[in-house]
Protein backbone atom coordinates (compact mmCIF):
# COMPACT_ATOMS: atom_id res chain seq x y z
CA MET A 1 -34.04 3.05 21.02
CA ARG A 2 -31.56 1.12 20.84
CA THR A 3 -28.13 1.46 22.69
CA MET A 4 -24.62 -0.35 21.82
CA LYS A 5 -23.27 -2.23 24.67
CA ASN A 6 -19.96 -2.47 23.43
CA PRO A 7 -18.90 -0.04 21.17
CA THR A 8 -15.02 -0.72 21.69
CA SER A 9 -16.15 -4.05 19.57
CA PHE A 10 -17.35 -1.96 16.80
CA ILE A 11 -14.39 0.38 16.35
CA LEU A 12 -12.81 -2.90 16.37
CA PHE A 13 -13.98 -3.97 13.65
CA PHE A 14 -13.16 -0.90 11.37
CA ILE A 15 -10.55 -1.27 12.43
CA ILE A 16 -9.70 -4.57 11.18
CA LEU A 17 -11.71 -4.18 8.04
CA SER A 18 -9.15 -1.16 6.94
CA LEU A 19 -6.79 -2.98 7.88
CA PHE A 20 -7.25 -5.46 5.33
CA HIS A 21 -9.08 -3.41 2.92
CA ASN A 22 -5.51 -2.97 1.31
CA ASN A 23 -5.14 -6.49 0.36
CA LEU A 24 -9.00 -7.11 -0.56
CA MET A 25 -8.51 -3.90 -2.99
CA GLY A 26 -5.30 -5.54 -4.32
CA THR A 27 -2.08 -3.15 -5.98
CA GLU A 28 -3.66 -0.41 -7.80
CA MET A 29 -0.70 1.32 -9.53
CA VAL A 30 3.05 0.70 -8.81
CA ILE A 31 6.22 3.05 -10.12
CA LEU A 32 8.93 0.98 -10.78
CA ASN A 33 12.93 2.42 -11.71
CA GLY A 34 12.39 5.82 -9.92
CA THR A 35 14.23 7.48 -7.60
CA VAL A 36 12.37 7.27 -4.22
CA TYR A 37 13.65 9.10 -1.54
CA THR A 38 12.57 7.45 2.43
CA VAL A 39 12.42 9.20 5.78
CA ASP A 40 13.37 5.05 6.89
CA PRO A 41 16.96 5.19 7.36
CA ASN A 42 17.44 1.67 7.09
CA SER A 43 16.33 2.14 3.11
CA PRO A 44 16.70 5.97 2.49
CA VAL A 45 16.40 5.27 -0.94
CA VAL A 46 14.15 2.83 -3.02
CA GLU A 47 13.46 2.36 -6.87
CA ALA A 48 9.50 1.03 -6.52
CA ILE A 49 6.54 2.08 -4.59
CA ALA A 50 3.38 0.35 -4.66
CA ILE A 51 0.69 1.95 -4.41
CA SER A 52 -3.75 1.23 -3.01
CA GLY A 53 -6.41 3.59 -2.63
CA ASN A 54 -4.49 6.82 -1.19
CA ARG A 55 -2.32 5.33 0.51
CA ILE A 56 1.53 3.84 -0.57
CA ILE A 57 1.64 -0.10 0.46
CA ALA A 58 4.72 -0.98 0.01
CA ILE A 59 8.69 0.47 -1.25
CA GLY A 60 11.18 -1.29 -2.37
CA THR A 61 13.42 -2.76 -5.23
CA ASN A 62 11.77 -2.95 -8.54
CA GLN A 63 11.76 -7.15 -7.98
CA GLU A 64 10.43 -6.74 -4.41
CA ILE A 65 7.49 -4.91 -5.97
CA SER A 66 6.97 -6.53 -8.84
CA LYS A 67 5.42 -9.33 -6.97
CA LEU A 68 2.61 -7.28 -6.10
CA ILE A 69 1.33 -6.50 -9.31
CA THR A 70 -1.59 -8.33 -10.80
CA PRO A 71 -3.24 -8.52 -14.32
CA SER A 72 -5.71 -4.89 -12.83
CA THR A 73 -2.52 -3.26 -11.77
CA THR A 74 -1.39 -0.15 -13.73
CA VAL A 75 2.22 -0.14 -14.12
CA ILE A 76 4.95 3.27 -14.85
CA SER A 77 7.71 3.45 -15.35
CA ALA A 78 9.52 6.31 -13.60
CA ASP A 79 12.76 6.34 -15.78
CA HIS A 80 15.00 6.55 -13.38
CA LYS A 81 14.11 10.13 -12.18
């Protein structure tokens, strides 16, 4: 039986892989024209969010988040609700 001599490097590899996962997958969904209340005191209300997998990967203005749209991104308009 082989034992792992340095489990820290193995764990570090998976942490780095998970950090780059969103960049590899791209933005799956964008919701524009909304009213999104955040817990960020610097941006308490934003109008758009970008989602990849089960994570919100970005929040901001319609213009900022629109830059993340690719041909495979699902785009939804919240009609300012």
